[in-house]
Amino acid sequence: MTRFLLEIPHDSDKVACNRAIRIVLESGSHFLSNADWGCLDGDHRAIMVVDVESRQEAQAILPPALRTDARIVQLNKFAI
């Protein structure tokens, strides 16, 4: 498995914030229903870390309506 950081940003106005939250919660994805949100601290995005087989699988977790602006980052650990 590969670990990915998924970030789904949205505009800071209340309508955009509520829309993004609704889309994520209604997606039915177990990953997304456990997303962390930065909205109450002024950082308007959902954030989650997932362990999946590929970047394509990570992207498939994202709701289609929010994929365009989402960021997918493969995470690694380094040892000395």
Protein backbone atom coordinates (compact mmCIF):
# COMPACT_ATOMS: atom_id res chain seq x y z
CA MET A 1 0.00 0.00 0.00
CA THR A 2 1.03 3.56 -0.64
CA ARG A 3 0.10 6.45 1.62
CA PHE A 4 -1.37 9.63 0.11
CA LEU A 5 -2.40 12.98 1.53
CA LEU A 6 -5.65 14.20 -0.02
CA GLU A 7 -6.53 17.88 0.25
CA ILE A 8 -9.83 19.28 -0.97
CA PRO A 9 -9.82 23.08 -0.81
CA HIS A 10 -12.88 25.27 -1.12
CA ASP A 11 -13.73 28.95 -0.96
CA SER A 12 -14.07 30.53 2.45
CA ASP A 13 -17.57 31.94 2.09
CA LYS A 14 -20.25 30.10 4.05
CA VAL A 15 -22.13 28.84 0.98
CA ALA A 16 -18.98 27.30 -0.57
CA CYS A 17 -17.95 25.83 2.75
CA ASN A 18 -21.35 24.23 3.35
CA ARG A 19 -21.45 22.94 -0.24
CA ALA A 20 -18.05 21.24 0.07
CA ILE A 21 -18.96 19.68 3.40
CA ARG A 22 -22.27 18.41 2.01
CA ILE A 23 -20.65 16.90 -1.09
CA VAL A 24 -17.99 15.15 0.97
CA LEU A 25 -20.40 13.81 3.60
CA GLU A 26 -22.91 12.64 0.98
CA SER A 27 -20.25 10.85 -1.07
CA GLY A 28 -20.69 7.67 0.97
CA SER A 29 -16.93 7.13 1.11
CA HIS A 30 -15.65 5.84 4.45
CA PHE A 31 -12.42 7.78 3.89
CA LEU A 32 -14.22 11.05 3.24
CA SER A 33 -16.65 10.68 6.13
CA ASN A 34 -13.55 10.67 8.36
CA ALA A 35 -11.91 13.73 6.78
CA ASP A 36 -10.47 16.46 8.97
CA TRP A 37 -11.50 20.03 8.26
CA GLY A 38 -9.58 23.27 8.82
CA CYS A 39 -12.55 25.61 8.30
CA LEU A 40 -12.93 26.69 11.93
CA ASP A 41 -9.30 27.87 11.88
CA GLY A 42 -9.66 29.70 8.55
CA ASP A 43 -8.02 26.96 6.45
CA HIS A 44 -10.87 25.96 4.17
CA ARG A 45 -10.09 22.43 3.07
CA ALA A 46 -10.77 18.83 3.94
CA ILE A 47 -7.66 16.79 4.69
CA MET A 48 -7.18 13.06 4.92
CA VAL A 49 -4.46 10.47 4.70
CA VAL A 50 -5.29 7.22 2.91
CA ASP A 51 -3.46 3.96 2.28
CA VAL A 52 -4.31 2.69 -1.20
CA GLU A 53 -2.63 0.85 -4.06
CA SER A 54 -2.14 3.80 -6.45
CA ARG A 55 -2.58 7.51 -7.12
CA GLN A 56 -5.52 6.60 -9.35
CA GLU A 57 -7.19 4.79 -6.46
CA ALA A 58 -6.61 7.82 -4.25
CA GLN A 59 -8.15 10.08 -6.87
CA ALA A 60 -11.17 7.78 -7.17
CA ILE A 61 -11.94 8.42 -3.48
CA LEU A 62 -12.52 12.11 -4.21
CA PRO A 63 -16.03 13.22 -5.19
CA PRO A 64 -16.06 14.04 -8.93
CA ALA A 65 -17.37 17.56 -8.25
CA LEU A 66 -14.29 18.36 -6.13
CA ARG A 67 -11.51 16.50 -8.01
CA THR A 68 -10.41 19.42 -10.16
CA ASP A 69 -9.15 21.48 -7.22
CA ALA A 70 -7.99 18.56 -5.05
CA ARG A 71 -4.35 17.88 -4.36
CA ILE A 72 -2.93 14.37 -4.04
CA VAL A 73 0.51 13.98 -2.47
CA GLN A 74 2.31 10.67 -2.11
CA LEU A 75 3.84 10.45 1.36
CA ASN A 76 7.17 8.83 2.16
CA LYS A 77 9.33 8.29 5.21
CA PHE A 78 13.09 8.52 5.16
CA ALA A 79 15.61 6.85 7.42
CA ILE A 80 19.23 7.77 8.05
